[in-house]
Amino acid sequence: MKLFLTSKAFGNSVIKNKMLGQLKKDVRITRILLIPTALSGTYPPDKYMNELLVSGFCKDNIIIFDEANSNDYCNLDIDIIYVCGGNTFTLVKLINECGFASEIVKYLSRGVMYIGRSAGTHLVTKNVEHVLPFDENQIGLENFDALGLFNGIIFCHYDQGRENYYSQAIKEEKYNVYKITNEEMIIYDNGQISIL
């Protein structure tokens, strides 16, 4: 299982180049499932689509997920699942409710690469309660457990303004705690963790 956990993903040129360098195929033939569920009810995923096109992905190879028809996205021939940013709590609730959380796990077990961007990064961690100071729980999520594919929690968009929250999470000793700035990413590769 390979996870690329970022704050900005293709929205940051340094991170984008690092990720593209890790692809198993030429970017022009790489098939990607774009999951914009964290934006549900806010605005369309055009920004993320444009970033992928600028990065070299072919429009015909980008499939945009719709949680209202989640069964349509099972067993696709894809290389990457890219879960966008937006509201973390909306993402966790809707992905669980539509039943696609288990499909993500199945894809990853088959060697599909996972790229998370902010909320998409939080989705695969142990828990998202630590995100409450930064994201409004507008959807009324009550169970803050995430997918648990990454053993810990991550503070995305880390800067000095988040230092106290990060330090407090470490003191609580409930989870392994990580932080990434907009220019960093965590690579989780079958149990091995590195921060670039």
N, C-alpha and C. Protein backbone atom coordinates (compact mmCIF):
# COMPACT_ATOMS: atom_id res chain seq x y z
N MET A 1 0.84 -1.18 0.00
CA MET A 1 0.00 0.00 0.00
C MET A 1 0.88 1.24 0.00
N LYS A 2 0.62 2.12 -0.95
CA LYS A 2 1.43 3.33 -1.07
C LYS A 2 0.54 4.56 -0.96
N LEU A 3 0.84 5.40 0.03
CA LEU A 3 0.08 6.62 0.28
C LEU A 3 1.00 7.82 0.13
N PHE A 4 0.53 8.82 -0.59
CA PHE A 4 1.22 10.12 -0.66
C PHE A 4 0.31 11.11 0.06
N LEU A 5 0.74 11.57 1.21
CA LEU A 5 -0.11 12.40 2.07
C LEU A 5 0.44 13.82 2.09
N THR A 6 -0.36 14.75 1.58
CA THR A 6 0.10 16.12 1.35
C THR A 6 -0.91 17.13 1.88
N SER A 7 -0.46 18.38 1.93
CA SER A 7 -1.37 19.49 2.21
C SER A 7 -1.93 20.08 0.93
N LYS A 8 -1.11 20.13 -0.13
CA LYS A 8 -1.50 20.82 -1.36
C LYS A 8 -1.44 19.96 -2.62
N ALA A 9 -0.78 18.82 -2.57
CA ALA A 9 -0.68 17.90 -3.71
C ALA A 9 -0.27 18.64 -4.98
N PHE A 10 -1.09 18.54 -6.02
CA PHE A 10 -0.74 19.12 -7.32
C PHE A 10 -0.83 20.65 -7.31
N GLY A 11 -1.29 21.22 -6.21
CA GLY A 11 -1.34 22.67 -6.07
C GLY A 11 -0.02 23.28 -5.62
N ASN A 12 0.98 22.44 -5.38
CA ASN A 12 2.32 22.92 -5.00
C ASN A 12 3.31 22.30 -5.97
N SER A 13 4.09 23.12 -6.67
CA SER A 13 4.96 22.62 -7.74
C SER A 13 6.04 21.67 -7.22
N VAL A 14 6.56 21.92 -6.02
CA VAL A 14 7.60 21.06 -5.46
C VAL A 14 7.04 19.66 -5.20
N ILE A 15 5.88 19.60 -4.54
CA ILE A 15 5.24 18.33 -4.23
C ILE A 15 4.80 17.63 -5.52
N LYS A 16 4.23 18.40 -6.44
CA LYS A 16 3.78 17.83 -7.70
C LYS A 16 4.91 17.09 -8.40
N ASN A 17 6.07 17.71 -8.50
CA ASN A 17 7.21 17.08 -9.18
C ASN A 17 7.69 15.83 -8.45
N LYS A 18 7.65 15.86 -7.13
CA LYS A 18 8.03 14.67 -6.35
C LYS A 18 7.07 13.51 -6.62
N MET A 19 5.78 13.83 -6.67
CA MET A 19 4.79 12.77 -6.90
C MET A 19 4.89 12.22 -8.32
N LEU A 20 5.02 13.11 -9.30
CA LEU A 20 5.10 12.66 -10.68
C LEU A 20 6.32 11.75 -10.89
N GLY A 21 7.38 12.03 -10.14
CA GLY A 21 8.58 11.20 -10.24
C GLY A 21 8.38 9.80 -9.68
N GLN A 22 7.32 9.58 -8.92
CA GLN A 22 7.04 8.28 -8.31
C GLN A 22 6.07 7.43 -9.13
N LEU A 23 5.52 7.99 -10.20
CA LEU A 23 4.52 7.26 -10.98
C LEU A 23 5.14 6.03 -11.65
N LYS A 24 4.34 4.97 -11.74
CA LYS A 24 4.80 3.74 -12.38
C LYS A 24 4.69 3.83 -13.90
N LYS A 25 3.84 4.73 -14.39
CA LYS A 25 3.60 4.88 -15.83
C LYS A 25 3.83 6.32 -16.24
N ASP A 26 3.93 6.52 -17.53
CA ASP A 26 3.95 7.87 -18.08
C ASP A 26 2.66 8.58 -17.66
N VAL A 27 2.78 9.83 -17.22
CA VAL A 27 1.62 10.57 -16.72
C VAL A 27 0.50 10.64 -17.77
N ARG A 28 0.84 10.62 -19.03
CA ARG A 28 -0.16 10.75 -20.09
C ARG A 28 -1.07 9.53 -20.22
N ILE A 29 -0.62 8.39 -19.69
CA ILE A 29 -1.46 7.19 -19.76
C ILE A 29 -1.89 6.70 -18.37
N THR A 30 -1.58 7.47 -17.36
CA THR A 30 -1.96 7.13 -15.99
C THR A 30 -3.43 7.47 -15.77
N ARG A 31 -4.18 6.48 -15.27
CA ARG A 31 -5.62 6.68 -15.02
C ARG A 31 -5.85 7.03 -13.55
N ILE A 32 -6.65 8.07 -13.35
CA ILE A 32 -6.80 8.61 -12.00
C ILE A 32 -8.28 8.80 -11.65
N LEU A 33 -8.64 8.38 -10.44
CA LEU A 33 -9.98 8.61 -9.92
C LEU A 33 -9.89 9.83 -8.99
N LEU A 34 -10.54 10.90 -9.38
CA LEU A 34 -10.53 12.16 -8.63
C LEU A 34 -11.75 12.18 -7.72
N ILE A 35 -11.53 12.26 -6.41
CA ILE A 35 -12.63 12.26 -5.44
C ILE A 35 -12.74 13.64 -4.80
N PRO A 36 -13.71 14.44 -5.27
CA PRO A 36 -13.88 15.80 -4.74
C PRO A 36 -14.96 15.89 -3.65
N THR A 37 -15.24 14.79 -2.97
CA THR A 37 -16.34 14.71 -2.01
C THR A 37 -16.21 15.74 -0.89
N ALA A 38 -15.00 16.12 -0.52
CA ALA A 38 -14.81 17.12 0.54
C ALA A 38 -15.34 18.49 0.13
N LEU A 39 -15.62 18.66 -1.16
CA LEU A 39 -16.18 19.92 -1.67
C LEU A 39 -17.70 19.85 -1.80
N SER A 40 -18.29 18.73 -1.44
CA SER A 40 -19.72 18.51 -1.67
C SER A 40 -20.56 19.66 -1.13
N GLY A 41 -21.38 20.22 -2.03
CA GLY A 41 -22.25 21.32 -1.64
C GLY A 41 -21.58 22.68 -1.63
N THR A 42 -20.30 22.75 -2.01
CA THR A 42 -19.62 24.04 -2.00
C THR A 42 -19.36 24.53 -3.42
N TYR A 43 -18.37 23.97 -4.07
CA TYR A 43 -18.10 24.39 -5.44
C TYR A 43 -17.53 23.22 -6.23
N PRO A 44 -17.62 23.27 -7.57
CA PRO A 44 -17.16 22.14 -8.39
C PRO A 44 -15.64 21.98 -8.35
N PRO A 45 -15.17 20.79 -8.73
CA PRO A 45 -13.73 20.47 -8.60
C PRO A 45 -12.88 20.97 -9.77
N ASP A 46 -13.32 22.03 -10.45
CA ASP A 46 -12.60 22.51 -11.64
C ASP A 46 -11.13 22.81 -11.36
N LYS A 47 -10.86 23.42 -10.21
CA LYS A 47 -9.48 23.77 -9.86
C LYS A 47 -8.59 22.53 -9.85
N TYR A 48 -9.10 21.46 -9.24
CA TYR A 48 -8.32 20.23 -9.14
C TYR A 48 -8.15 19.57 -10.51
N MET A 49 -9.18 19.60 -11.30
CA MET A 49 -9.11 19.05 -12.66
C MET A 49 -8.06 19.82 -13.47
N ASN A 50 -8.07 21.14 -13.39
CA ASN A 50 -7.10 21.95 -14.13
C ASN A 50 -5.67 21.67 -13.69
N GLU A 51 -5.48 21.49 -12.38
CA GLU A 51 -4.13 21.17 -11.88
C GLU A 51 -3.64 19.84 -12.44
N LEU A 52 -4.54 18.87 -12.57
CA LEU A 52 -4.14 17.58 -13.13
C LEU A 52 -3.79 17.71 -14.60
N LEU A 53 -4.57 18.48 -15.33
CA LEU A 53 -4.30 18.67 -16.76
C LEU A 53 -2.96 19.38 -16.96
N VAL A 54 -2.70 20.40 -16.15
CA VAL A 54 -1.41 21.12 -16.23
C VAL A 54 -0.26 20.19 -15.87
N SER A 55 -0.51 19.24 -14.99
CA SER A 55 0.53 18.29 -14.56
C SER A 55 0.81 17.22 -15.62
N GLY A 56 -0.01 17.17 -16.67
CA GLY A 56 0.24 16.24 -17.77
C GLY A 56 -0.73 15.09 -17.90
N PHE A 57 -1.68 14.97 -16.96
CA PHE A 57 -2.68 13.91 -17.07
C PHE A 57 -3.60 14.22 -18.25
N CYS A 58 -4.07 13.16 -18.89
CA CYS A 58 -4.99 13.30 -20.02
C CYS A 58 -6.43 13.34 -19.51
N LYS A 59 -7.21 14.26 -20.02
CA LYS A 59 -8.60 14.42 -19.55
C LYS A 59 -9.39 13.12 -19.64
N ASP A 60 -9.14 12.36 -20.69
CA ASP A 60 -9.87 11.09 -20.88
C ASP A 60 -9.53 10.05 -19.82
N ASN A 61 -8.42 10.25 -19.10
CA ASN A 61 -7.98 9.31 -18.08
C ASN A 61 -8.30 9.77 -16.66
N ILE A 62 -9.08 10.85 -16.56
CA ILE A 62 -9.48 11.37 -15.24
C ILE A 62 -10.97 11.09 -15.05
N ILE A 63 -11.28 10.33 -14.02
CA ILE A 63 -12.67 9.98 -13.71
C ILE A 63 -13.05 10.74 -12.44
N ILE A 64 -14.13 11.51 -12.51
CA ILE A 64 -14.56 12.30 -11.35
C ILE A 64 -15.63 11.53 -10.58
N PHE A 65 -15.33 11.24 -9.33
CA PHE A 65 -16.19 10.46 -8.45
C PHE A 65 -17.41 11.28 -8.02
N ASP A 66 -18.54 10.61 -7.90
CA ASP A 66 -19.76 11.21 -7.38
C ASP A 66 -20.31 10.28 -6.30
N GLU A 67 -20.30 10.76 -5.06
CA GLU A 67 -20.71 9.90 -3.94
C GLU A 67 -22.18 9.48 -4.03
N ALA A 68 -22.98 10.20 -4.80
CA ALA A 68 -24.40 9.82 -4.96
C ALA A 68 -24.56 8.56 -5.81
N ASN A 69 -23.52 8.23 -6.58
CA ASN A 69 -23.55 7.03 -7.44
C ASN A 69 -22.28 6.21 -7.23
N SER A 70 -21.92 6.00 -5.98
CA SER A 70 -20.61 5.41 -5.66
C SER A 70 -20.39 4.03 -6.26
N ASN A 71 -21.46 3.26 -6.47
CA ASN A 71 -21.29 1.92 -7.04
C ASN A 71 -20.73 1.94 -8.45
N ASP A 72 -20.88 3.07 -9.13
CA ASP A 72 -20.36 3.20 -10.50
C ASP A 72 -18.84 3.24 -10.55
N TYR A 73 -18.19 3.38 -9.38
CA TYR A 73 -16.75 3.59 -9.35
C TYR A 73 -16.00 2.41 -8.73
N CYS A 74 -16.67 1.28 -8.64
CA CYS A 74 -16.03 0.07 -8.13
C CYS A 74 -15.34 -0.68 -9.27
N ASN A 75 -14.23 -1.31 -8.97
CA ASN A 75 -13.52 -2.18 -9.92
C ASN A 75 -13.11 -1.48 -11.22
N LEU A 76 -12.74 -0.22 -11.12
CA LEU A 76 -12.24 0.49 -12.29
C LEU A 76 -10.79 0.13 -12.55
N ASP A 77 -10.36 0.31 -13.77
CA ASP A 77 -8.95 0.13 -14.13
C ASP A 77 -8.25 1.47 -13.93
N ILE A 78 -7.76 1.70 -12.70
CA ILE A 78 -7.11 2.98 -12.37
C ILE A 78 -5.75 2.73 -11.75
N ASP A 79 -4.93 3.76 -11.78
CA ASP A 79 -3.59 3.71 -11.18
C ASP A 79 -3.50 4.51 -9.89
N ILE A 80 -4.33 5.56 -9.79
CA ILE A 80 -4.27 6.49 -8.66
C ILE A 80 -5.67 6.83 -8.19
N ILE A 81 -5.83 6.92 -6.87
CA ILE A 81 -6.99 7.57 -6.27
C ILE A 81 -6.47 8.88 -5.70
N TYR A 82 -7.06 9.97 -6.14
CA TYR A 82 -6.66 11.30 -5.66
C TYR A 82 -7.84 11.91 -4.92
N VAL A 83 -7.71 12.04 -3.60
CA VAL A 83 -8.78 12.57 -2.77
C VAL A 83 -8.44 14.01 -2.41
N CYS A 84 -9.31 14.91 -2.86
CA CYS A 84 -9.05 16.35 -2.78
C CYS A 84 -9.27 16.92 -1.38
N GLY A 85 -8.91 18.19 -1.28
CA GLY A 85 -9.15 18.96 -0.07
C GLY A 85 -10.57 19.50 -0.04
N GLY A 86 -10.85 20.24 1.02
CA GLY A 86 -12.19 20.76 1.27
C GLY A 86 -12.50 20.54 2.75
N ASN A 87 -13.73 20.22 3.05
CA ASN A 87 -14.11 20.02 4.45
C ASN A 87 -13.87 18.56 4.86
N THR A 88 -13.00 18.37 5.83
CA THR A 88 -12.61 17.03 6.28
C THR A 88 -13.81 16.24 6.79
N PHE A 89 -14.68 16.87 7.55
CA PHE A 89 -15.79 16.15 8.18
C PHE A 89 -16.83 15.72 7.14
N THR A 90 -17.05 16.58 6.15
CA THR A 90 -17.94 16.23 5.04
C THR A 90 -17.40 15.00 4.32
N LEU A 91 -16.10 15.01 4.06
CA LEU A 91 -15.46 13.90 3.35
C LEU A 91 -15.62 12.59 4.12
N VAL A 92 -15.25 12.58 5.39
CA VAL A 92 -15.29 11.36 6.19
C VAL A 92 -16.73 10.81 6.26
N LYS A 93 -17.68 11.69 6.52
CA LYS A 93 -19.06 11.24 6.65
C LYS A 93 -19.61 10.68 5.34
N LEU A 94 -19.44 11.42 4.24
CA LEU A 94 -20.03 10.99 2.98
C LEU A 94 -19.35 9.76 2.39
N ILE A 95 -18.05 9.64 2.53
CA ILE A 95 -17.35 8.45 2.01
C ILE A 95 -17.79 7.21 2.78
N ASN A 96 -17.96 7.35 4.09
CA ASN A 96 -18.46 6.21 4.87
C ASN A 96 -19.91 5.89 4.55
N GLU A 97 -20.75 6.92 4.46
CA GLU A 97 -22.17 6.69 4.22
C GLU A 97 -22.45 6.07 2.85
N CYS A 98 -21.67 6.46 1.85
CA CYS A 98 -21.92 5.91 0.51
C CYS A 98 -21.27 4.54 0.32
N GLY A 99 -20.52 4.09 1.34
CA GLY A 99 -19.92 2.76 1.29
C GLY A 99 -18.62 2.66 0.52
N PHE A 100 -18.05 3.81 0.14
CA PHE A 100 -16.86 3.75 -0.70
C PHE A 100 -15.56 3.58 0.10
N ALA A 101 -15.63 3.74 1.40
CA ALA A 101 -14.42 3.55 2.22
C ALA A 101 -13.83 2.17 2.00
N SER A 102 -14.67 1.15 1.98
CA SER A 102 -14.17 -0.22 1.77
C SER A 102 -13.63 -0.40 0.36
N GLU A 103 -14.18 0.33 -0.61
CA GLU A 103 -13.67 0.24 -1.98
C GLU A 103 -12.29 0.85 -2.09
N ILE A 104 -12.05 1.94 -1.35
CA ILE A 104 -10.71 2.54 -1.34
C ILE A 104 -9.70 1.52 -0.83
N VAL A 105 -10.05 0.83 0.25
CA VAL A 105 -9.16 -0.19 0.81
C VAL A 105 -8.89 -1.28 -0.22
N LYS A 106 -9.92 -1.70 -0.94
CA LYS A 106 -9.74 -2.74 -1.98
C LYS A 106 -8.80 -2.26 -3.08
N TYR A 107 -9.00 -1.04 -3.53
CA TYR A 107 -8.12 -0.50 -4.57
C TYR A 107 -6.66 -0.50 -4.10
N LEU A 108 -6.43 -0.04 -2.88
CA LEU A 108 -5.06 0.06 -2.37
C LEU A 108 -4.43 -1.32 -2.21
N SER A 109 -5.26 -2.31 -1.86
CA SER A 109 -4.73 -3.67 -1.71
C SER A 109 -4.32 -4.25 -3.06
N ARG A 110 -4.84 -3.68 -4.15
CA ARG A 110 -4.48 -4.12 -5.50
C ARG A 110 -3.34 -3.30 -6.10
N GLY A 111 -2.74 -2.42 -5.31
CA GLY A 111 -1.59 -1.67 -5.79
C GLY A 111 -1.89 -0.30 -6.35
N VAL A 112 -3.14 0.16 -6.26
CA VAL A 112 -3.47 1.52 -6.68
C VAL A 112 -2.86 2.50 -5.69
N MET A 113 -2.23 3.54 -6.20
CA MET A 113 -1.58 4.56 -5.37
C MET A 113 -2.63 5.54 -4.85
N TYR A 114 -2.46 5.99 -3.61
CA TYR A 114 -3.38 6.95 -3.00
C TYR A 114 -2.66 8.28 -2.83
N ILE A 115 -3.30 9.35 -3.30
CA ILE A 115 -2.78 10.70 -3.07
C ILE A 115 -3.85 11.46 -2.29
N GLY A 116 -3.47 11.96 -1.13
CA GLY A 116 -4.38 12.76 -0.32
C GLY A 116 -3.94 14.21 -0.30
N ARG A 117 -4.92 15.08 -0.35
CA ARG A 117 -4.67 16.52 -0.27
C ARG A 117 -5.49 17.07 0.89
N SER A 118 -4.83 17.48 1.95
CA SER A 118 -5.49 18.07 3.12
C SER A 118 -6.59 17.14 3.64
N ALA A 119 -7.86 17.43 3.38
CA ALA A 119 -8.94 16.55 3.84
C ALA A 119 -8.72 15.12 3.36
N GLY A 120 -8.23 14.97 2.14
CA GLY A 120 -7.94 13.64 1.59
C GLY A 120 -6.84 12.93 2.35
N THR A 121 -5.90 13.70 2.89
CA THR A 121 -4.87 13.14 3.75
C THR A 121 -5.48 12.67 5.07
N HIS A 122 -6.31 13.52 5.65
CA HIS A 122 -6.94 13.17 6.93
C HIS A 122 -7.80 11.91 6.83
N LEU A 123 -8.40 11.69 5.67
CA LEU A 123 -9.32 10.56 5.49
C LEU A 123 -8.67 9.22 5.82
N VAL A 124 -7.39 9.04 5.50
CA VAL A 124 -6.76 7.73 5.70
C VAL A 124 -6.07 7.58 7.05
N THR A 125 -6.14 8.62 7.89
CA THR A 125 -5.50 8.56 9.21
C THR A 125 -6.41 7.86 10.21
N LYS A 126 -6.00 7.87 11.48
CA LYS A 126 -6.77 7.20 12.53
C LYS A 126 -8.01 7.98 12.94
N ASN A 127 -7.90 9.31 12.98
CA ASN A 127 -8.97 10.12 13.57
C ASN A 127 -8.84 11.56 13.06
N VAL A 128 -9.99 12.26 12.99
CA VAL A 128 -9.95 13.64 12.47
C VAL A 128 -10.41 14.68 13.48
N GLU A 129 -10.58 14.29 14.72
CA GLU A 129 -11.08 15.24 15.73
C GLU A 129 -10.14 16.44 15.88
N HIS A 130 -8.83 16.23 15.70
CA HIS A 130 -7.87 17.32 15.86
C HIS A 130 -8.03 18.42 14.80
N VAL A 131 -8.85 18.16 13.77
CA VAL A 131 -9.05 19.13 12.70
C VAL A 131 -10.15 20.15 13.08
N LEU A 132 -10.88 19.91 14.15
CA LEU A 132 -11.99 20.79 14.55
C LEU A 132 -11.60 22.28 14.65
N PRO A 133 -10.41 22.64 15.13
CA PRO A 133 -10.07 24.07 15.19
C PRO A 133 -9.88 24.71 13.81
N PHE A 134 -9.74 23.90 12.77
CA PHE A 134 -9.41 24.44 11.45
C PHE A 134 -10.52 24.26 10.41
N ASP A 135 -11.44 23.33 10.66
CA ASP A 135 -12.52 23.02 9.72
C ASP A 135 -13.84 23.05 10.50
N GLU A 136 -14.87 23.61 9.90
CA GLU A 136 -16.18 23.61 10.55
C GLU A 136 -16.84 22.25 10.35
N ASN A 137 -17.36 21.69 11.42
CA ASN A 137 -18.07 20.41 11.34
C ASN A 137 -19.50 20.68 10.87
N GLN A 138 -19.61 21.17 9.65
CA GLN A 138 -20.89 21.62 9.10
C GLN A 138 -21.87 20.49 8.83
N ILE A 139 -21.37 19.27 8.73
CA ILE A 139 -22.23 18.14 8.39
C ILE A 139 -22.65 17.35 9.64
N GLY A 140 -22.15 17.77 10.81
CA GLY A 140 -22.54 17.14 12.06
C GLY A 140 -21.94 15.76 12.29
N LEU A 141 -20.69 15.57 11.86
CA LEU A 141 -20.02 14.29 12.09
C LEU A 141 -19.88 14.05 13.59
N GLU A 142 -20.25 12.85 14.04
CA GLU A 142 -20.17 12.53 15.46
C GLU A 142 -19.06 11.53 15.76
N ASN A 143 -18.80 10.63 14.84
CA ASN A 143 -17.72 9.65 15.01
C ASN A 143 -16.52 10.14 14.20
N PHE A 144 -15.47 10.53 14.89
CA PHE A 144 -14.32 11.15 14.23
C PHE A 144 -13.26 10.15 13.76
N ASP A 145 -13.56 8.85 13.89
CA ASP A 145 -12.63 7.85 13.38
C ASP A 145 -12.56 7.95 11.85
N ALA A 146 -11.34 7.89 11.33
CA ALA A 146 -11.15 7.90 9.88
C ALA A 146 -10.87 6.46 9.43
N LEU A 147 -10.30 6.30 8.24
CA LEU A 147 -10.13 4.95 7.69
C LEU A 147 -9.05 4.13 8.41
N GLY A 148 -8.10 4.80 9.05
CA GLY A 148 -7.08 4.09 9.83
C GLY A 148 -6.03 3.37 9.01
N LEU A 149 -5.86 3.75 7.75
CA LEU A 149 -4.83 3.11 6.92
C LEU A 149 -3.44 3.62 7.25
N PHE A 150 -3.38 4.81 7.82
CA PHE A 150 -2.12 5.40 8.27
C PHE A 150 -2.18 5.46 9.79
N ASN A 151 -1.16 4.92 10.46
CA ASN A 151 -1.18 4.79 11.91
C ASN A 151 -0.78 6.10 12.59
N GLY A 152 -1.73 7.00 12.66
CA GLY A 152 -1.48 8.27 13.32
C GLY A 152 -2.43 9.34 12.80
N ILE A 153 -2.17 10.58 13.24
CA ILE A 153 -2.90 11.74 12.75
C ILE A 153 -1.88 12.72 12.17
N ILE A 154 -2.37 13.58 11.29
CA ILE A 154 -1.47 14.51 10.59
C ILE A 154 -2.03 15.91 10.67
N PHE A 155 -1.18 16.86 11.00
CA PHE A 155 -1.53 18.27 10.92
C PHE A 155 -1.07 18.78 9.55
N CYS A 156 -2.02 18.97 8.64
CA CYS A 156 -1.71 19.53 7.32
C CYS A 156 -1.58 21.05 7.42
N HIS A 157 -0.99 21.66 6.41
CA HIS A 157 -0.80 23.12 6.35
C HIS A 157 -0.11 23.62 7.61
N TYR A 158 0.85 22.84 8.10
CA TYR A 158 1.47 23.18 9.38
C TYR A 158 2.25 24.49 9.27
N ASP A 159 2.02 25.35 10.27
CA ASP A 159 2.81 26.57 10.44
C ASP A 159 2.79 26.91 11.94
N GLN A 160 3.36 28.03 12.31
CA GLN A 160 3.44 28.39 13.73
C GLN A 160 2.06 28.50 14.38
N GLY A 161 1.06 28.88 13.60
CA GLY A 161 -0.29 29.00 14.14
C GLY A 161 -0.88 27.68 14.60
N ARG A 162 -0.30 26.58 14.13
CA ARG A 162 -0.80 25.25 14.52
C ARG A 162 0.11 24.54 15.52
N GLU A 163 1.16 25.22 15.92
CA GLU A 163 2.15 24.60 16.82
C GLU A 163 1.53 24.15 18.14
N ASN A 164 0.71 25.00 18.77
CA ASN A 164 0.12 24.64 20.06
C ASN A 164 -0.79 23.42 19.95
N TYR A 165 -1.57 23.34 18.87
CA TYR A 165 -2.45 22.19 18.66
C TYR A 165 -1.63 20.91 18.45
N TYR A 166 -0.57 21.05 17.69
CA TYR A 166 0.33 19.92 17.41
C TYR A 166 0.97 19.44 18.71
N SER A 167 1.49 20.37 19.51
CA SER A 167 2.15 20.02 20.78
C SER A 167 1.16 19.35 21.74
N GLN A 168 -0.06 19.87 21.78
CA GLN A 168 -1.08 19.30 22.66
C GLN A 168 -1.43 17.87 22.25
N ALA A 169 -1.52 17.64 20.95
CA ALA A 169 -1.83 16.29 20.46
C ALA A 169 -0.73 15.30 20.84
N ILE A 170 0.51 15.75 20.80
CA ILE A 170 1.63 14.89 21.22
C ILE A 170 1.51 14.56 22.71
N LYS A 171 1.21 15.57 23.53
CA LYS A 171 1.10 15.37 24.98
C LYS A 171 -0.02 14.39 25.33
N GLU A 172 -1.09 14.41 24.56
CA GLU A 172 -2.22 13.53 24.85
C GLU A 172 -1.89 12.05 24.62
N GLU A 173 -0.90 11.79 23.79
CA GLU A 173 -0.41 10.43 23.55
C GLU A 173 -1.49 9.45 23.10
N LYS A 174 -2.50 9.94 22.38
CA LYS A 174 -3.55 9.05 21.86
C LYS A 174 -3.14 8.43 20.53
N TYR A 175 -2.37 9.19 19.74
CA TYR A 175 -1.99 8.75 18.40
C TYR A 175 -0.54 9.15 18.12
N ASN A 176 0.04 8.50 17.14
CA ASN A 176 1.28 9.02 16.57
C ASN A 176 0.91 10.31 15.85
N VAL A 177 1.69 11.37 16.05
CA VAL A 177 1.33 12.69 15.53
C VAL A 177 2.39 13.16 14.54
N TYR A 178 1.94 13.61 13.38
CA TYR A 178 2.83 14.09 12.32
C TYR A 178 2.38 15.48 11.88
N LYS A 179 3.28 16.19 11.25
CA LYS A 179 2.95 17.51 10.70
C LYS A 179 3.59 17.64 9.32
N ILE A 180 2.89 18.33 8.43
CA ILE A 180 3.45 18.63 7.11
C ILE A 180 3.08 20.05 6.71
N THR A 181 4.04 20.77 6.20
CA THR A 181 3.77 22.09 5.65
C THR A 181 3.19 21.91 4.25
N ASN A 182 2.93 23.02 3.59
CA ASN A 182 2.42 22.94 2.21
C ASN A 182 3.48 22.45 1.24
N GLU A 183 4.76 22.47 1.66
CA GLU A 183 5.86 22.04 0.79
C GLU A 183 6.37 20.65 1.13
N GLU A 184 5.71 19.96 2.05
CA GLU A 184 6.16 18.63 2.47
C GLU A 184 5.09 17.58 2.18
N MET A 185 5.53 16.34 2.14
CA MET A 185 4.58 15.24 2.07
C MET A 185 5.13 14.04 2.81
N ILE A 186 4.20 13.23 3.27
CA ILE A 186 4.55 11.96 3.91
C ILE A 186 4.31 10.87 2.87
N ILE A 187 5.30 10.01 2.70
CA ILE A 187 5.12 8.83 1.86
C ILE A 187 5.05 7.62 2.80
N TYR A 188 3.95 6.91 2.70
CA TYR A 188 3.79 5.67 3.45
C TYR A 188 3.84 4.55 2.42
N ASP A 189 4.86 3.72 2.53
CA ASP A 189 5.07 2.66 1.54
C ASP A 189 5.18 1.32 2.26
N ASN A 190 4.05 0.61 2.35
CA ASN A 190 4.01 -0.70 3.00
C ASN A 190 4.66 -0.70 4.38
N GLY A 191 4.27 0.27 5.20
CA GLY A 191 4.76 0.34 6.57
C GLY A 191 5.93 1.27 6.79
N GLN A 192 6.63 1.63 5.73
CA GLN A 192 7.76 2.53 5.85
C GLN A 192 7.30 3.97 5.64
N ILE A 193 7.68 4.86 6.57
CA ILE A 193 7.26 6.26 6.50
C ILE A 193 8.46 7.15 6.24
N SER A 194 8.32 8.03 5.26
CA SER A 194 9.35 9.04 5.03
C SER A 194 8.67 10.38 4.78
N ILE A 195 9.33 11.44 5.18
CA ILE A 195 8.81 12.80 4.98
C ILE A 195 9.74 13.52 4.02
N LEU A 196 9.20 13.99 2.92
CA LEU A 196 10.00 14.70 1.91
C LEU A 196 9.63 16.17 1.92
